[in-house]
PDB file of N, CA and C in Angstrom:
ATOM      1  N   MET A   1       0.435  10.197 -33.341  1.00  0.00           N
ATOM      2  CA  MET A   1      -0.440  10.939 -34.053  1.00  0.00           C
ATOM      3  C   MET A   1      -1.827  10.513 -33.453  1.00  0.00           C
ATOM      4  N   THR A   2      -2.585  11.714 -33.009  1.00  0.00           N
ATOM      5  CA  THR A   2      -4.040  11.618 -32.283  1.00  0.00           C
ATOM      6  C   THR A   2      -4.614  11.569 -33.281  1.00  0.00           C
ATOM      7  N   GLN A   3      -5.161  10.302 -33.669  1.00  0.00           N
ATOM      8  CA  GLN A   3      -6.192   9.753 -34.015  1.00  0.00           C
ATOM      9  C   GLN A   3      -7.714   9.517 -33.407  1.00  0.00           C
ATOM     10  N   THR A   4      -8.782  10.621 -33.907  1.00  0.00           N
ATOM     11  CA  THR A   4      -9.653  11.140 -32.775  1.00  0.00           C
ATOM     12  C   THR A   4     -11.166  10.894 -34.110  1.00  0.00           C
ATOM     13  N   LEU A   5     -10.455  10.073 -35.687  1.00  0.00           N
ATOM     14  CA  LEU A   5     -11.835   9.425 -36.111  1.00  0.00           C
ATOM     15  C   LEU A   5     -11.165   8.467 -37.007  1.00  0.00           C
ATOM     16  N   SER A   6     -11.762   8.070 -36.942  1.00  0.00           N
ATOM     17  CA  SER A   6     -12.048   5.976 -37.571  1.00  0.00           C
ATOM     18  C   SER A   6     -11.296   6.743 -39.021  1.00  0.00           C
ATOM     19  N   ALA A   7     -10.744   4.907 -39.212  1.00  0.00           N
ATOM     20  CA  ALA A   7     -10.117   4.702 -41.090  1.00  0.00           C
ATOM     21  C   ALA A   7     -10.278   5.106 -41.984  1.00  0.00           C
ATOM     22  N   GLN A   8     -12.566   4.696 -41.870  1.00  0.00           N
ATOM     23  CA  GLN A   8     -13.064   5.795 -42.664  1.00  0.00           C
ATOM     24  C   GLN A   8     -13.665   6.894 -43.204  1.00  0.00           C
ATOM     25  N   SER A   9     -13.474   6.987 -41.591  1.00  0.00           N
ATOM     26  CA  SER A   9     -14.100   8.856 -41.375  1.00  0.00           C
ATOM     27  C   SER A   9     -12.527  10.207 -42.553  1.00  0.00           C
ATOM     28  N   LEU A  10     -12.109   9.034 -41.897  1.00  0.00           N
ATOM     29  CA  LEU A  10     -10.258   9.323 -42.005  1.00  0.00           C
ATOM     30  C   LEU A  10      -9.536  10.221 -43.959  1.00  0.00           C
ATOM     31  N   ILE A  11      -9.904   8.865 -44.025  1.00  0.00           N
ATOM     32  CA  ILE A  11     -10.294   8.005 -46.138  1.00  0.00           C
ATOM     33  C   ILE A  11     -11.104   9.256 -46.433  1.00  0.00           C
ATOM     34  N   ALA A  12     -12.427   9.142 -45.968  1.00  0.00           N
ATOM     35  CA  ALA A  12     -13.004  10.424 -46.397  1.00  0.00           C
ATOM     36  C   ALA A  12     -12.643  11.773 -46.550  1.00  0.00           C
ATOM     37  N   GLU A  13     -11.789  11.865 -45.428  1.00  0.00           N
ATOM     38  CA  GLU A  13     -11.269  13.455 -45.676  1.00  0.00           C
ATOM     39  C   GLU A  13     -10.615  13.931 -46.197  1.00  0.00           C
ATOM     40  N   ILE A  14      -9.550  12.631 -46.358  1.00  0.00           N
ATOM     41  CA  ILE A  14      -8.713  12.971 -47.650  1.00  0.00           C
ATOM     42  C   ILE A  14      -9.184  12.611 -48.765  1.00  0.00           C
ATOM     43  N   LYS A  15     -10.024  11.943 -49.222  1.00  0.00           N
ATOM     44  CA  LYS A  15     -10.891  12.106 -50.509  1.00  0.00           C
ATOM     45  C   LYS A  15     -11.369  13.199 -50.809  1.00  0.00           C
ATOM     46  N   THR A  16     -11.651  14.234 -50.079  1.00  0.00           N
ATOM     47  CA  THR A  16     -13.002  15.847 -49.501  1.00  0.00           C
ATOM     48  C   THR A  16     -10.856  16.443 -50.586  1.00  0.00           C
ATOM     49  N   ALA A  17     -10.361  16.258 -49.040  1.00  0.00           N
ATOM     50  CA  ALA A  17      -8.672  17.404 -49.581  1.00  0.00           C
ATOM     51  C   ALA A  17      -8.832  16.488 -51.163  1.00  0.00           C
ATOM     52  N   LEU A  18      -8.300  16.387 -51.228  1.00  0.00           N
ATOM     53  CA  LEU A  18      -8.039  15.488 -52.709  1.00  0.00           C
ATOM     54  C   LEU A  18      -9.025  15.870 -53.884  1.00  0.00           C
ATOM     55  N   GLU A  19     -10.042  16.288 -54.193  1.00  0.00           N
ATOM     56  CA  GLU A  19     -11.149  16.251 -54.936  1.00  0.00           C
ATOM     57  C   GLU A  19     -11.205  17.931 -54.340  1.00  0.00           C
ATOM     58  N   ASP A  20     -10.602  18.340 -53.463  1.00  0.00           N
ATOM     59  CA  ASP A  20     -10.974  20.229 -53.905  1.00  0.00           C
ATOM     60  C   ASP A  20     -10.077  20.405 -53.731  1.00  0.00           C
ATOM     61  N   LYS A  21      -8.636  19.786 -54.586  1.00  0.00           N
ATOM     62  CA  LYS A  21      -7.581  20.566 -55.332  1.00  0.00           C
ATOM     63  C   LYS A  21      -7.856  19.857 -56.371  1.00  0.00           C
ATOM     64  N   LYS A  22      -8.687  19.095 -57.208  1.00  0.00           N
ATOM     65  CA  LYS A  22      -8.707  18.926 -58.733  1.00  0.00           C
ATOM     66  C   LYS A  22      -7.979  17.149 -58.631  1.00  0.00           C
ATOM     67  N   ALA A  23      -7.389  16.791 -57.985  1.00  0.00           N
ATOM     68  CA  ALA A  23      -6.239  14.977 -58.396  1.00  0.00           C
ATOM     69  C   ALA A  23      -7.911  14.680 -58.662  1.00  0.00           C
ATOM     70  N   GLU A  24      -6.928  13.726 -59.569  1.00  0.00           N
ATOM     71  CA  GLU A  24      -7.428  12.923 -60.766  1.00  0.00           C
ATOM     72  C   GLU A  24      -7.701  11.612 -59.606  1.00  0.00           C
ATOM     73  N   HIS A  25      -8.793  10.826 -60.191  1.00  0.00           N
ATOM     74  CA  HIS A  25      -8.897   9.182 -60.572  1.00  0.00           C
ATOM     75  C   HIS A  25      -7.991   9.230 -58.785  1.00  0.00           C
ATOM     76  N   VAL A  26      -9.518   9.910 -58.066  1.00  0.00           N
ATOM     77  CA  VAL A  26      -8.825   9.312 -56.531  1.00  0.00           C
ATOM     78  C   VAL A  26      -9.685   7.605 -56.174  1.00  0.00           C
ATOM     79  N   VAL A  27      -7.999   7.090 -55.698  1.00  0.00           N
ATOM     80  CA  VAL A  27      -9.512   4.759 -55.800  1.00  0.00           C
ATOM     81  C   VAL A  27      -8.817   4.997 -54.111  1.00  0.00           C
ATOM     82  N   ALA A  28      -8.953   4.598 -53.327  1.00  0.00           N
ATOM     83  CA  ALA A  28      -9.017   3.868 -52.409  1.00  0.00           C
ATOM     84  C   ALA A  28      -8.585   2.118 -51.881  1.00  0.00           C
ATOM     85  N   LEU A  29      -8.107   1.867 -51.252  1.00  0.00           N
ATOM     86  CA  LEU A  29      -8.744   0.706 -51.622  1.00  0.00           C
ATOM     87  C   LEU A  29      -7.756   0.035 -50.045  1.00  0.00           C
ATOM     88  N   ASP A  30      -8.715  -1.226 -50.082  1.00  0.00           N
ATOM     89  CA  ASP A  30      -8.768  -2.168 -48.030  1.00  0.00           C
ATOM     90  C   ASP A  30      -8.374  -3.210 -48.559  1.00  0.00           C
ATOM     91  N   LEU A  31      -6.611  -2.927 -47.654  1.00  0.00           N
ATOM     92  CA  LEU A  31      -5.260  -4.527 -48.060  1.00  0.00           C
ATOM     93  C   LEU A  31      -5.728  -4.758 -46.949  1.00  0.00           C
ATOM     94  N   HIS A  32      -6.330  -4.928 -46.014  1.00  0.00           N
ATOM     95  CA  HIS A  32      -6.902  -5.874 -44.951  1.00  0.00           C
ATOM     96  C   HIS A  32      -7.166  -7.792 -45.649  1.00  0.00           C
ATOM     97  N   GLN A  33      -7.170  -7.777 -46.523  1.00  0.00           N
ATOM     98  CA  GLN A  33      -7.786  -8.637 -46.986  1.00  0.00           C
ATOM     99  C   GLN A  33      -6.532  -9.157 -48.661  1.00  0.00           C
ATOM    100  N   VAL A  34      -6.020  -9.022 -48.028  1.00  0.00           N
ATOM    101  CA  VAL A  34      -4.884  -8.715 -49.417  1.00  0.00           C
ATOM    102  C   VAL A  34      -2.949  -8.653 -48.788  1.00  0.00           C
ATOM    103  N   SER A  35      -3.169  -8.406 -47.729  1.00  0.00           N
ATOM    104  CA  SER A  35      -1.728  -8.510 -47.232  1.00  0.00           C
ATOM    105  C   SER A  35      -1.784  -8.744 -45.310  1.00  0.00           C
ATOM    106  N   ASP A  36      -0.462  -8.846 -45.580  1.00  0.00           N
ATOM    107  CA  ASP A  36      -0.709  -8.695 -43.636  1.00  0.00           C
ATOM    108  C   ASP A  36       0.045  -7.366 -42.890  1.00  0.00           C
ATOM    109  N   SER A  37       1.143  -6.490 -43.586  1.00  0.00           N
ATOM    110  CA  SER A  37       1.194  -5.605 -43.408  1.00  0.00           C
ATOM    111  C   SER A  37       0.623  -4.098 -44.110  1.00  0.00           C
ATOM    112  N   LEU A  38      -0.115  -4.049 -44.444  1.00  0.00           N
ATOM    113  CA  LEU A  38      -0.888  -2.496 -45.509  1.00  0.00           C
ATOM    114  C   LEU A  38      -1.962  -2.622 -44.896  1.00  0.00           C
ATOM    115  N   ASP A  39      -2.548  -1.467 -45.039  1.00  0.00           N
ATOM    116  CA  ASP A  39      -4.453  -1.189 -43.826  1.00  0.00           C
ATOM    117  C   ASP A  39      -4.693  -0.798 -45.594  1.00  0.00           C
ATOM    118  N   TYR A  40      -4.045   0.698 -45.777  1.00  0.00           N
ATOM    119  CA  TYR A  40      -5.479   0.998 -46.875  1.00  0.00           C
ATOM    120  C   TYR A  40      -3.766   1.782 -47.573  1.00  0.00           C
ATOM    121  N   PHE A  41      -4.836   2.137 -48.569  1.00  0.00           N
ATOM    122  CA  PHE A  41      -3.705   2.897 -49.666  1.00  0.00           C
ATOM    123  C   PHE A  41      -4.927   3.694 -50.451  1.00  0.00           C
ATOM    124  N   VAL A  42      -4.494   5.262 -50.029  1.00  0.00           N
ATOM    125  CA  VAL A  42      -5.636   6.054 -51.214  1.00  0.00           C
ATOM    126  C   VAL A  42      -4.913   6.836 -52.255  1.00  0.00           C
ATOM    127  N   ILE A  43      -4.620   6.341 -53.190  1.00  0.00           N
ATOM    128  CA  ILE A  43      -3.859   7.180 -54.303  1.00  0.00           C
ATOM    129  C   ILE A  43      -4.737   7.676 -54.905  1.00  0.00           C
ATOM    130  N   ALA A  44      -4.135   9.038 -56.165  1.00  0.00           N
ATOM    131  CA  ALA A  44      -5.003   9.836 -56.660  1.00  0.00           C
ATOM    132  C   ALA A  44      -3.717  10.440 -57.304  1.00  0.00           C
ATOM    133  N   THR A  45      -3.983  11.190 -59.075  1.00  0.00           N
ATOM    134  CA  THR A  45      -2.925  12.080 -59.703  1.00  0.00           C
ATOM    135  C   THR A  45      -2.963  12.714 -59.799  1.00  0.00           C
ATOM    136  N   GLY A  46      -1.961  13.572 -59.807  1.00  0.00           N
ATOM    137  CA  GLY A  46      -1.789  15.259 -60.200  1.00  0.00           C
ATOM    138  C   GLY A  46      -1.392  15.388 -61.289  1.00  0.00           C
ATOM    139  N   THR A  47      -1.637  16.475 -61.975  1.00  0.00           N
ATOM    140  CA  THR A  47      -1.352  16.081 -63.530  1.00  0.00           C
ATOM    141  C   THR A  47       0.231  17.280 -63.988  1.00  0.00           C
ATOM    142  N   SER A  48       0.907  18.005 -62.554  1.00  0.00           N
ATOM    143  CA  SER A  48       2.361  18.311 -62.953  1.00  0.00           C
ATOM    144  C   SER A  48       2.867  18.298 -61.225  1.00  0.00           C
ATOM    145  N   GLN A  49       4.212  18.287 -61.132  1.00  0.00           N
ATOM    146  CA  GLN A  49       4.795  18.780 -60.159  1.00  0.00           C
ATOM    147  C   GLN A  49       3.666  19.412 -58.994  1.00  0.00           C
ATOM    148  N   PRO A  50       3.836  20.655 -59.855  1.00  0.00           N
ATOM    149  CA  PRO A  50       2.996  21.463 -58.316  1.00  0.00           C
ATOM    150  C   PRO A  50       1.447  21.504 -57.785  1.00  0.00           C
ATOM    151  N   HIS A  51       0.926  20.750 -58.798  1.00  0.00           N
ATOM    152  CA  HIS A  51      -0.400  20.483 -58.687  1.00  0.00           C
ATOM    153  C   HIS A  51      -0.143  18.747 -57.793  1.00  0.00           C
ATOM    154  N   LEU A  52       1.265  17.846 -57.740  1.00  0.00           N
ATOM    155  CA  LEU A  52       1.238  17.464 -56.726  1.00  0.00           C
ATOM    156  C   LEU A  52       1.275  18.119 -55.764  1.00  0.00           C
ATOM    157  N   GLN A  53       2.045  19.234 -55.346  1.00  0.00           N
ATOM    158  CA  GLN A  53       2.518  19.720 -54.268  1.00  0.00           C
ATOM    159  C   GLN A  53       1.601  19.904 -53.716  1.00  0.00           C
ATOM    160  N   ALA A  54       0.843  20.342 -54.699  1.00  0.00           N
ATOM    161  CA  ALA A  54      -0.702  20.940 -54.292  1.00  0.00           C
ATOM    162  C   ALA A  54      -1.490  20.265 -53.495  1.00  0.00           C
ATOM    163  N   LEU A  55      -1.541  19.050 -53.903  1.00  0.00           N
ATOM    164  CA  LEU A  55      -2.682  17.775 -53.274  1.00  0.00           C
ATOM    165  C   LEU A  55      -1.943  17.329 -52.264  1.00  0.00           C
ATOM    166  N   GLU A  56      -0.741  17.826 -52.107  1.00  0.00           N
ATOM    167  CA  GLU A  56       0.007  16.767 -50.543  1.00  0.00           C
ATOM    168  C   GLU A  56      -0.219  18.274 -49.613  1.00  0.00           C
ATOM    169  N   ARG A  57       0.223  19.896 -50.140  1.00  0.00           N
ATOM    170  CA  ARG A  57      -0.579  20.379 -49.469  1.00  0.00           C
ATOM    171  C   ARG A  57      -2.054  20.103 -49.158  1.00  0.00           C
ATOM    172  N   GLY A  58      -3.105  20.342 -49.261  1.00  0.00           N
ATOM    173  CA  GLY A  58      -4.618  19.737 -48.878  1.00  0.00           C
ATOM    174  C   GLY A  58      -4.311  18.714 -48.340  1.00  0.00           C
ATOM    175  N   VAL A  59      -3.698  18.153 -48.537  1.00  0.00           N
ATOM    176  CA  VAL A  59      -4.489  16.832 -47.586  1.00  0.00           C
ATOM    177  C   VAL A  59      -3.602  16.863 -45.745  1.00  0.00           C
ATOM    178  N   ARG A  60      -1.983  18.058 -46.201  1.00  0.00           N
ATOM    179  CA  ARG A  60      -1.254  17.653 -44.930  1.00  0.00           C
ATOM    180  C   ARG A  60      -2.903  18.464 -43.777  1.00  0.00           C
ATOM    181  N   GLU A  61      -2.739  19.672 -44.989  1.00  0.00           N
ATOM    182  CA  GLU A  61      -3.594  20.926 -44.236  1.00  0.00           C
ATOM    183  C   GLU A  61      -5.362  20.658 -43.655  1.00  0.00           C
ATOM    184  N   LYS A  62      -6.322  20.340 -45.271  1.00  0.00           N
ATOM    185  CA  LYS A  62      -6.569  18.891 -43.892  1.00  0.00           C
ATOM    186  C   LYS A  62      -6.834  18.217 -42.255  1.00  0.00           C
ATOM    187  N   LEU A  63      -6.118  17.298 -42.915  1.00  0.00           N
ATOM    188  CA  LEU A  63      -5.968  16.455 -41.579  1.00  0.00           C
ATOM    189  C   LEU A  63      -5.212  17.065 -39.940  1.00  0.00           C
ATOM    190  N   GLN A  64      -4.456  18.195 -40.640  1.00  0.00           N
ATOM    191  CA  GLN A  64      -3.818  18.567 -39.504  1.00  0.00           C
ATOM    192  C   GLN A  64      -5.180  20.024 -38.990  1.00  0.00           C
ATOM    193  N   GLU A  65      -6.216  20.065 -39.178  1.00  0.00           N
ATOM    194  CA  GLU A  65      -7.289  20.875 -39.030  1.00  0.00           C
ATOM    195  C   GLU A  65      -7.926  19.974 -38.015  1.00  0.00           C
ATOM    196  N   GLU A  66      -7.472  18.432 -38.110  1.00  0.00           N
ATOM    197  CA  GLU A  66      -8.154  17.369 -37.263  1.00  0.00           C
ATOM    198  C   GLU A  66      -6.909  16.608 -36.123  1.00  0.00           C
ATOM    199  N   GLY A  67      -6.054  16.926 -36.004  1.00  0.00           N
ATOM    200  CA  GLY A  67      -5.308  17.122 -34.954  1.00  0.00           C
ATOM    201  C   GLY A  67      -4.051  15.528 -35.736  1.00  0.00           C
ATOM    202  N   ILE A  68      -4.622  15.211 -36.909  1.00  0.00           N
ATOM    203  CA  ILE A  68      -3.278  14.752 -37.175  1.00  0.00           C
ATOM    204  C   ILE A  68      -2.395  15.008 -38.340  1.00  0.00           C
ATOM    205  N   ARG A  69      -0.800  14.172 -38.196  1.00  0.00           N
ATOM    206  CA  ARG A  69       0.582  14.688 -38.571  1.00  0.00           C
ATOM    207  C   ARG A  69       0.654  13.403 -39.622  1.00  0.00           C
ATOM    208  N   ALA A  70       1.218  13.529 -40.209  1.00  0.00           N
ATOM    209  CA  ALA A  70       1.787  11.977 -41.116  1.00  0.00           C
ATOM    210  C   ALA A  70       2.485  11.756 -40.445  1.00  0.00           C
ATOM    211  N   THR A  71       3.233  10.424 -40.528  1.00  0.00           N
ATOM    212  CA  THR A  71       4.214  10.002 -39.427  1.00  0.00           C
ATOM    213  C   THR A  71       5.559  10.341 -40.812  1.00  0.00           C
ATOM    214  N   LYS A  72       5.328  10.439 -41.758  1.00  0.00           N
ATOM    215  CA  LYS A  72       6.284  10.303 -42.645  1.00  0.00           C
ATOM    216  C   LYS A  72       5.942  10.735 -43.746  1.00  0.00           C
ATOM    217  N   VAL A  73       7.195  11.210 -45.327  1.00  0.00           N
ATOM    218  CA  VAL A  73       6.276  11.899 -45.912  1.00  0.00           C
ATOM    219  C   VAL A  73       8.336  11.914 -46.982  1.00  0.00           C
ATOM    220  N   GLU A  74       7.523  10.893 -48.104  1.00  0.00           N
ATOM    221  CA  GLU A  74       8.981  11.120 -48.950  1.00  0.00           C
ATOM    222  C   GLU A  74       8.237  12.045 -49.561  1.00  0.00           C
ATOM    223  N   GLY A  75       9.401  12.538 -51.057  1.00  0.00           N
ATOM    224  CA  GLY A  75       8.825  13.227 -50.973  1.00  0.00           C
ATOM    225  C   GLY A  75       9.111  14.486 -50.674  1.00  0.00           C
ATOM    226  N   PRO A  76       9.304  15.595 -51.603  1.00  0.00           N
ATOM    227  CA  PRO A  76       8.885  15.430 -53.183  1.00  0.00           C
ATOM    228  C   PRO A  76       9.626  15.220 -54.478  1.00  0.00           C
ATOM    229  N   SER A  77       9.118  14.569 -54.940  1.00  0.00           N
ATOM    230  CA  SER A  77       9.370  14.238 -56.624  1.00  0.00           C
ATOM    231  C   SER A  77       8.763  14.734 -57.384  1.00  0.00           C
ATOM    232  N   PRO A  78       9.561  15.098 -58.768  1.00  0.00           N
ATOM    233  CA  PRO A  78       7.720  14.826 -59.601  1.00  0.00           C
ATOM    234  C   PRO A  78       7.296  14.319 -60.094  1.00  0.00           C
ATOM    235  N   ARG A  79       7.079  13.095 -60.167  1.00  0.00           N
ATOM    236  CA  ARG A  79       6.721  11.243 -59.937  1.00  0.00           C
ATOM    237  C   ARG A  79       5.599  11.329 -58.680  1.00  0.00           C
ATOM    238  N   TRP A  80       5.585  11.535 -57.754  1.00  0.00           N
ATOM    239  CA  TRP A  80       5.147  10.705 -56.843  1.00  0.00           C
ATOM    240  C   TRP A  80       5.022  11.032 -55.334  1.00  0.00           C
ATOM    241  N   ILE A  81       4.600  11.661 -54.356  1.00  0.00           N
ATOM    242  CA  ILE A  81       4.725  11.846 -52.850  1.00  0.00           C
ATOM    243  C   ILE A  81       4.153  10.482 -52.043  1.00  0.00           C
ATOM    244  N   LEU A  82       4.599  10.424 -51.224  1.00  0.00           N
ATOM    245  CA  LEU A  82       3.810   9.573 -50.791  1.00  0.00           C
ATOM    246  C   LEU A  82       3.855   9.686 -49.058  1.00  0.00           C
ATOM    247  N   LEU A  83       2.264  10.635 -48.354  1.00  0.00           N
ATOM    248  CA  LEU A  83       2.257  10.554 -47.622  1.00  0.00           C
ATOM    249  C   LEU A  83       1.724   9.459 -45.944  1.00  0.00           C
ATOM    250  N   ASP A  84       2.564   9.689 -45.333  1.00  0.00           N
ATOM    251  CA  ASP A  84       2.221   8.256 -44.021  1.00  0.00           C
ATOM    252  C   ASP A  84       1.504   8.899 -43.633  1.00  0.00           C
ATOM    253  N   TYR A  85       0.285   8.318 -43.078  1.00  0.00           N
ATOM    254  CA  TYR A  85      -0.607   8.119 -41.539  1.00  0.00           C
ATOM    255  C   TYR A  85      -0.766   6.763 -40.980  1.00  0.00           C
ATOM    256  N   GLY A  86       0.554   6.298 -41.214  1.00  0.00           N
ATOM    257  CA  GLY A  86      -0.021   4.629 -39.568  1.00  0.00           C
ATOM    258  C   GLY A  86      -0.610   3.504 -41.556  1.00  0.00           C
ATOM    259  N   GLN A  87      -2.047   3.741 -40.361  1.00  0.00           N
ATOM    260  CA  GLN A  87      -2.393   2.531 -41.579  1.00  0.00           C
ATOM    261  C   GLN A  87      -3.331   3.461 -42.852  1.00  0.00           C
ATOM    262  N   ILE A  88      -3.365   4.607 -43.054  1.00  0.00           N
ATOM    263  CA  ILE A  88      -3.674   4.952 -44.352  1.00  0.00           C
ATOM    264  C   ILE A  88      -2.368   4.947 -44.905  1.00  0.00           C
ATOM    265  N   LEU A  89      -2.174   4.958 -46.235  1.00  0.00           N
ATOM    266  CA  LEU A  89      -1.137   5.445 -46.987  1.00  0.00           C
ATOM    267  C   LEU A  89      -1.536   6.355 -48.004  1.00  0.00           C
ATOM    268  N   VAL A  90      -1.355   7.465 -48.304  1.00  0.00           N
ATOM    269  CA  VAL A  90      -1.166   8.425 -49.640  1.00  0.00           C
ATOM    270  C   VAL A  90      -0.568   8.479 -50.386  1.00  0.00           C
ATOM    271  N   HIS A  91      -0.613   8.264 -51.842  1.00  0.00           N
ATOM    272  CA  HIS A  91       0.397   8.065 -53.603  1.00  0.00           C
ATOM    273  C   HIS A  91      -0.106   9.089 -54.032  1.00  0.00           C
ATOM    274  N   LEU A  92       0.401  10.172 -54.017  1.00  0.00           N
ATOM    275  CA  LEU A  92      -0.148  10.937 -55.614  1.00  0.00           C
ATOM    276  C   LEU A  92       1.321  10.973 -55.653  1.00  0.00           C
ATOM    277  N   MET A  93       0.349  10.198 -57.794  1.00  0.00           N
ATOM    278  CA  MET A  93       1.807  10.384 -58.551  1.00  0.00           C
ATOM    279  C   MET A  93       0.639  10.863 -59.991  1.00  0.00           C
ATOM    280  N   SER A  94       2.369  11.478 -60.117  1.00  0.00           N
ATOM    281  CA  SER A  94       1.593  11.546 -62.625  1.00  0.00           C
ATOM    282  C   SER A  94       1.601  10.326 -62.557  1.00  0.00           C
ATOM    283  N   PRO A  95       0.243  11.504 -63.792  1.00  0.00           N
ATOM    284  CA  PRO A  95      -0.100   9.458 -65.024  1.00  0.00           C
ATOM    285  C   PRO A  95       1.062   8.821 -65.349  1.00  0.00           C
ATOM    286  N   GLU A  96       2.656   9.548 -65.750  1.00  0.00           N
ATOM    287  CA  GLU A  96       3.270   8.394 -65.961  1.00  0.00           C
ATOM    288  C   GLU A  96       3.673   7.201 -65.010  1.00  0.00           C
ATOM    289  N   ALA A  97       3.800   7.981 -63.310  1.00  0.00           N
ATOM    290  CA  ALA A  97       3.866   6.966 -62.258  1.00  0.00           C
ATOM    291  C   ALA A  97       2.975   5.821 -62.510  1.00  0.00           C
ATOM    292  N   ARG A  98       1.748   6.530 -62.241  1.00  0.00           N
ATOM    293  CA  ARG A  98       0.536   5.661 -61.801  1.00  0.00           C
ATOM    294  C   ARG A  98       0.202   4.324 -62.501  1.00  0.00           C
ATOM    295  N   GLU A  99       0.406   4.901 -63.910  1.00  0.00           N
ATOM    296  CA  GLU A  99       0.529   4.083 -65.379  1.00  0.00           C
ATOM    297  C   GLU A  99       1.745   2.973 -64.688  1.00  0.00           C
ATOM    298  N   TYR A 100       3.009   3.556 -64.526  1.00  0.00           N
ATOM    299  CA  TYR A 100       3.895   1.878 -64.330  1.00  0.00           C
ATOM    300  C   TYR A 100       4.278   1.732 -63.314  1.00  0.00           C
ATOM    301  N   TYR A 101       3.731   2.231 -62.180  1.00  0.00           N
ATOM    302  CA  TYR A 101       3.857   0.816 -60.457  1.00  0.00           C
ATOM    303  C   TYR A 101       2.400   0.464 -60.905  1.00  0.00           C
ATOM    304  N   ASP A 102       1.516   0.717 -61.082  1.00  0.00           N
ATOM    305  CA  ASP A 102       0.486   0.052 -61.568  1.00  0.00           C
ATOM    306  C   ASP A 102      -0.431  -0.002 -60.470  1.00  0.00           C
ATOM    307  N   LEU A 103       0.044   0.194 -59.225  1.00  0.00           N
ATOM    308  CA  LEU A 103      -0.180   0.188 -57.486  1.00  0.00           C
ATOM    309  C   LEU A 103      -1.888  -0.591 -57.687  1.00  0.00           C
ATOM    310  N   GLU A 104      -3.019  -0.317 -58.409  1.00  0.00           N
ATOM    311  CA  GLU A 104      -4.384  -1.204 -58.611  1.00  0.00           C
ATOM    312  C   GLU A 104      -3.858  -2.472 -59.113  1.00  0.00           C
ATOM    313  N   GLY A 105      -3.741  -2.134 -60.176  1.00  0.00           N
ATOM    314  CA  GLY A 105      -3.609  -3.234 -60.605  1.00  0.00           C
ATOM    315  C   GLY A 105      -1.980  -4.975 -59.553  1.00  0.00           C
ATOM    316  N   PHE A 106      -1.383  -4.254 -59.455  1.00  0.00           N
ATOM    317  CA  PHE A 106      -1.008  -4.805 -58.665  1.00  0.00           C
ATOM    318  C   PHE A 106      -1.136  -5.667 -56.654  1.00  0.00           C
ATOM    319  N   TRP A 107      -2.216  -4.948 -56.972  1.00  0.00           N
ATOM    320  CA  TRP A 107      -3.114  -5.334 -55.609  1.00  0.00           C
ATOM    321  C   TRP A 107      -4.669  -4.952 -56.116  1.00  0.00           C
ATOM    322  N   ALA A 108      -5.118  -5.937 -57.077  1.00  0.00           N
ATOM    323  CA  ALA A 108      -5.890  -5.540 -58.418  1.00  0.00           C
ATOM    324  C   ALA A 108      -6.856  -6.394 -57.149  1.00  0.00           C
ATOM    325  N   ASP A 109      -6.817  -7.428 -56.032  1.00  0.00           N
ATOM    326  CA  ASP A 109      -7.893  -8.320 -56.050  1.00  0.00           C
ATOM    327  C   ASP A 109      -8.016  -7.183 -53.910  1.00  0.00           C
ATOM    328  N   ALA A 110      -7.428  -6.679 -53.119  1.00  0.00           N
ATOM    329  CA  ALA A 110      -7.976  -5.603 -52.819  1.00  0.00           C
ATOM    330  C   ALA A 110      -9.641  -4.891 -52.918  1.00  0.00           C
ATOM    331  N   LYS A 111     -10.196  -4.706 -51.696  1.00  0.00           N
ATOM    332  CA  LYS A 111     -11.757  -4.136 -52.528  1.00  0.00           C
ATOM    333  C   LYS A 111     -10.976  -2.190 -52.346  1.00  0.00           C
ATOM    334  N   ARG A 112     -12.150  -1.706 -53.314  1.00  0.00           N
ATOM    335  CA  ARG A 112     -11.720  -0.958 -53.831  1.00  0.00           C
ATOM    336  C   ARG A 112     -13.143   0.015 -52.772  1.00  0.00           C
ATOM    337  N   ILE A 113     -12.959   0.962 -51.841  1.00  0.00           N
ATOM    338  CA  ILE A 113     -14.071   1.294 -50.836  1.00  0.00           C
ATOM    339  C   ILE A 113     -14.018   3.276 -51.211  1.00  0.00           C
TER     340      ILE A 113
END
């Protein structure tokens, strides 16, 4: 992955792409202080499977404009799509999956950015 943007700039690009596609409850977490192996999570809610897929396309297209490609994509599923950008993991979740897995609660000590 050719990364010309800092992690903070990349997170800002991801958040913009998600907001452009009407993602709900977009949150970015800095996991450096609470995890030895994870850096950042960006979590967003999509209201339906087509909306989740639109969010995925929006993020991927926005970052591809910067020459950045996901190293791995999990999904699509009706509940959760994971985009792996190395130090940044993007979780696109249905409202039910987001409530059930409660990533923000699990990582409650992480700094929100």
